[in-house]
Amino acid sequence: MKLKKNYTVRYMNQGIDYGIITVPKGTKVSNRTAIGEDKNYHFVDEFKWVPNHPCGIPQHMLLHDLKYYGLNVPKEYIDYE
């Protein structure tokens, strides 16, 4: 599965406001959760697009939060083929 169009969202996690981020079209997503597969979730599963953050938050912090806490993308953005 992958995104069929760009997904733009304000990403906040663990008290850190990363601001507006855009996950680009074509980014892979996964149904994997901590307890197995769940077709109701579409977590970002590819991170080469993650930018250096313009407000000075280190890139590795955003990468960490995206990988370990996740970003669930709404199903209307998903290409299931």
N, C-alpha and C. Protein backbone atom coordinates (compact mmCIF):
# COMPACT_ATOMS: atom_id res chain seq x y z
N MET A 1 0.85 -1.18 0.00
CA MET A 1 0.00 0.00 0.00
C MET A 1 0.89 1.23 0.00
N LYS A 2 0.36 2.29 -0.58
CA LYS A 2 1.08 3.54 -0.61
C LYS A 2 0.09 4.70 -0.70
N LEU A 3 0.57 5.91 -0.49
CA LEU A 3 -0.28 7.08 -0.58
C LEU A 3 -0.57 7.40 -2.04
N LYS A 4 -1.83 7.67 -2.35
CA LYS A 4 -2.20 8.03 -3.72
C LYS A 4 -2.17 9.53 -3.94
N LYS A 5 -2.03 10.30 -2.85
CA LYS A 5 -1.86 11.75 -2.94
C LYS A 5 -1.14 12.22 -1.68
N ASN A 6 -0.59 13.43 -1.74
CA ASN A 6 0.10 13.98 -0.58
C ASN A 6 -0.85 14.07 0.62
N TYR A 7 -0.30 13.83 1.81
CA TYR A 7 -1.08 13.95 3.04
C TYR A 7 -0.40 15.00 3.92
N THR A 8 -1.10 16.10 4.17
CA THR A 8 -0.56 17.18 4.98
C THR A 8 -1.32 17.23 6.30
N VAL A 9 -0.55 17.32 7.39
CA VAL A 9 -1.15 17.28 8.72
C VAL A 9 -0.24 18.02 9.71
N ARG A 10 -0.84 18.55 10.76
CA ARG A 10 -0.05 19.10 11.87
C ARG A 10 0.29 17.92 12.77
N TYR A 11 1.58 17.62 12.93
CA TYR A 11 2.01 16.46 13.70
C TYR A 11 2.50 16.89 15.07
N MET A 12 1.84 16.35 16.10
CA MET A 12 2.22 16.60 17.49
C MET A 12 2.37 15.25 18.17
N ASN A 13 3.40 15.13 19.00
CA ASN A 13 3.60 13.88 19.72
C ASN A 13 4.43 14.13 20.97
N GLN A 14 4.02 13.53 22.07
CA GLN A 14 4.76 13.60 23.32
C GLN A 14 5.07 15.05 23.72
N GLY A 15 4.12 15.95 23.47
CA GLY A 15 4.29 17.34 23.85
C GLY A 15 5.12 18.18 22.89
N ILE A 16 5.58 17.59 21.82
CA ILE A 16 6.37 18.32 20.82
C ILE A 16 5.47 18.60 19.62
N ASP A 17 5.41 19.87 19.25
CA ASP A 17 4.65 20.27 18.07
C ASP A 17 5.62 20.39 16.90
N TYR A 18 5.55 19.44 15.98
CA TYR A 18 6.43 19.45 14.82
C TYR A 18 5.88 20.35 13.72
N GLY A 19 4.72 20.90 13.91
CA GLY A 19 4.13 21.77 12.91
C GLY A 19 3.51 20.98 11.77
N ILE A 20 3.39 21.63 10.64
CA ILE A 20 2.78 21.04 9.46
C ILE A 20 3.82 20.21 8.72
N ILE A 21 3.49 18.94 8.47
CA ILE A 21 4.36 18.09 7.66
C ILE A 21 3.53 17.53 6.51
N THR A 22 4.20 17.24 5.42
CA THR A 22 3.54 16.66 4.26
C THR A 22 4.21 15.34 3.91
N VAL A 23 3.44 14.28 3.97
CA VAL A 23 3.92 12.96 3.56
C VAL A 23 3.62 12.87 2.06
N PRO A 24 4.65 12.67 1.24
CA PRO A 24 4.43 12.71 -0.21
C PRO A 24 3.72 11.49 -0.79
N LYS A 25 3.04 11.74 -1.89
CA LYS A 25 2.41 10.69 -2.68
C LYS A 25 3.44 9.61 -2.97
N GLY A 26 3.02 8.34 -2.89
CA GLY A 26 3.91 7.21 -3.18
C GLY A 26 4.60 6.64 -1.96
N THR A 27 4.49 7.30 -0.79
CA THR A 27 5.10 6.80 0.43
C THR A 27 4.40 5.51 0.87
N LYS A 28 5.19 4.51 1.25
CA LYS A 28 4.63 3.23 1.69
C LYS A 28 3.96 3.37 3.05
N VAL A 29 2.87 2.63 3.23
CA VAL A 29 2.17 2.55 4.52
C VAL A 29 1.96 1.08 4.87
N SER A 30 1.68 0.83 6.14
CA SER A 30 1.54 -0.54 6.63
C SER A 30 0.37 -0.64 7.60
N ASN A 31 -0.21 -1.84 7.68
CA ASN A 31 -1.27 -2.12 8.65
C ASN A 31 -0.71 -2.68 9.96
N ARG A 32 0.62 -2.76 10.08
CA ARG A 32 1.22 -3.34 11.28
C ARG A 32 1.01 -2.45 12.50
N THR A 33 0.58 -3.07 13.58
CA THR A 33 0.46 -2.40 14.87
C THR A 33 1.29 -3.18 15.88
N ALA A 34 1.32 -2.72 17.10
CA ALA A 34 2.10 -3.41 18.14
C ALA A 34 1.57 -4.81 18.43
N ILE A 35 0.30 -5.05 18.11
CA ILE A 35 -0.28 -6.37 18.41
C ILE A 35 -0.62 -7.17 17.15
N GLY A 36 -0.11 -6.73 15.99
CA GLY A 36 -0.35 -7.46 14.75
C GLY A 36 -0.97 -6.58 13.68
N GLU A 37 -1.47 -7.22 12.64
CA GLU A 37 -2.07 -6.50 11.51
C GLU A 37 -3.48 -6.03 11.88
N ASP A 38 -3.80 -4.80 11.46
CA ASP A 38 -5.14 -4.25 11.67
C ASP A 38 -5.45 -3.37 10.46
N LYS A 39 -6.41 -3.81 9.65
CA LYS A 39 -6.75 -3.12 8.40
C LYS A 39 -7.36 -1.74 8.62
N ASN A 40 -7.64 -1.37 9.86
CA ASN A 40 -8.17 -0.05 10.15
C ASN A 40 -7.09 1.02 10.29
N TYR A 41 -5.82 0.60 10.29
CA TYR A 41 -4.69 1.52 10.44
C TYR A 41 -3.84 1.52 9.18
N HIS A 42 -3.31 2.67 8.87
CA HIS A 42 -2.43 2.85 7.71
C HIS A 42 -1.25 3.72 8.16
N PHE A 43 -0.30 3.10 8.84
CA PHE A 43 0.83 3.84 9.37
C PHE A 43 1.90 4.08 8.32
N VAL A 44 2.45 5.28 8.30
CA VAL A 44 3.57 5.59 7.41
C VAL A 44 4.68 4.59 7.71
N ASP A 45 5.25 4.00 6.66
CA ASP A 45 6.25 2.94 6.82
C ASP A 45 7.50 3.18 5.98
N GLU A 46 7.70 4.42 5.54
CA GLU A 46 8.87 4.79 4.75
C GLU A 46 9.22 6.22 5.16
N PHE A 47 10.49 6.47 5.40
CA PHE A 47 10.85 7.73 6.04
C PHE A 47 11.92 8.55 5.33
N LYS A 48 12.27 8.19 4.11
CA LYS A 48 13.32 8.94 3.40
C LYS A 48 12.88 10.36 3.05
N TRP A 49 11.61 10.63 3.11
CA TRP A 49 11.06 11.95 2.81
C TRP A 49 11.16 12.94 3.97
N VAL A 50 11.47 12.46 5.18
CA VAL A 50 11.43 13.31 6.38
C VAL A 50 12.47 14.42 6.26
N PRO A 51 12.00 15.68 6.33
CA PRO A 51 12.92 16.82 6.14
C PRO A 51 13.63 17.22 7.42
N ASN A 52 14.65 18.04 7.26
CA ASN A 52 15.19 18.76 8.41
C ASN A 52 14.13 19.77 8.79
N HIS A 53 13.83 19.86 10.05
CA HIS A 53 12.71 20.69 10.48
C HIS A 53 13.10 22.17 10.49
N PRO A 54 12.28 23.02 9.89
CA PRO A 54 12.63 24.44 9.78
C PRO A 54 12.68 25.19 11.11
N CYS A 55 12.00 24.72 12.14
CA CYS A 55 11.99 25.48 13.41
C CYS A 55 13.08 25.01 14.36
N GLY A 56 14.02 24.23 13.88
CA GLY A 56 15.17 23.86 14.70
C GLY A 56 15.04 22.55 15.46
N ILE A 57 13.92 21.85 15.36
CA ILE A 57 13.80 20.55 16.01
C ILE A 57 14.63 19.56 15.19
N PRO A 58 15.54 18.83 15.82
CA PRO A 58 16.40 17.90 15.06
C PRO A 58 15.60 16.85 14.29
N GLN A 59 16.06 16.54 13.09
CA GLN A 59 15.40 15.57 12.22
C GLN A 59 15.26 14.22 12.91
N HIS A 60 16.28 13.82 13.68
CA HIS A 60 16.22 12.50 14.31
C HIS A 60 15.07 12.39 15.31
N MET A 61 14.64 13.49 15.90
CA MET A 61 13.51 13.44 16.84
C MET A 61 12.21 13.16 16.09
N LEU A 62 12.01 13.83 14.95
CA LEU A 62 10.82 13.58 14.14
C LEU A 62 10.84 12.16 13.59
N LEU A 63 11.98 11.70 13.11
CA LEU A 63 12.10 10.33 12.62
C LEU A 63 11.74 9.32 13.71
N HIS A 64 12.26 9.53 14.90
CA HIS A 64 11.99 8.63 16.03
C HIS A 64 10.49 8.55 16.31
N ASP A 65 9.84 9.71 16.41
CA ASP A 65 8.42 9.71 16.75
C ASP A 65 7.57 9.10 15.65
N LEU A 66 7.93 9.35 14.39
CA LEU A 66 7.18 8.73 13.29
C LEU A 66 7.34 7.21 13.29
N LYS A 67 8.54 6.72 13.57
CA LYS A 67 8.79 5.28 13.55
C LYS A 67 8.17 4.56 14.74
N TYR A 68 8.28 5.15 15.93
CA TYR A 68 7.88 4.43 17.14
C TYR A 68 6.50 4.78 17.66
N TYR A 69 5.97 5.95 17.32
CA TYR A 69 4.62 6.31 17.73
C TYR A 69 3.65 6.30 16.56
N GLY A 70 4.18 6.47 15.36
CA GLY A 70 3.40 6.34 14.15
C GLY A 70 2.66 7.58 13.70
N LEU A 71 2.25 7.52 12.45
CA LEU A 71 1.38 8.52 11.85
C LEU A 71 0.36 7.75 11.03
N ASN A 72 -0.86 7.74 11.50
CA ASN A 72 -1.94 7.01 10.85
C ASN A 72 -2.56 7.90 9.78
N VAL A 73 -2.57 7.42 8.54
CA VAL A 73 -3.09 8.18 7.40
C VAL A 73 -4.54 7.73 7.13
N PRO A 74 -5.46 8.67 6.92
CA PRO A 74 -6.85 8.29 6.61
C PRO A 74 -6.94 7.44 5.35
N LYS A 75 -7.90 6.54 5.31
CA LYS A 75 -8.03 5.58 4.22
C LYS A 75 -8.26 6.23 2.86
N GLU A 76 -8.83 7.42 2.82
CA GLU A 76 -9.06 8.07 1.52
C GLU A 76 -7.77 8.48 0.81
N TYR A 77 -6.65 8.43 1.51
CA TYR A 77 -5.34 8.74 0.92
C TYR A 77 -4.59 7.50 0.46
N ILE A 78 -5.16 6.32 0.67
CA ILE A 78 -4.44 5.06 0.45
C ILE A 78 -4.77 4.43 -0.89
N ASP A 79 -3.71 3.99 -1.60
CA ASP A 79 -3.85 3.20 -2.82
C ASP A 79 -3.57 1.76 -2.40
N TYR A 80 -4.59 0.92 -2.47
CA TYR A 80 -4.48 -0.45 -1.97
C TYR A 80 -3.85 -1.42 -2.96
N GLU A 81 -3.55 -0.98 -4.15
CA GLU A 81 -2.95 -1.88 -5.16
C GLU A 81 -1.46 -1.96 -5.04
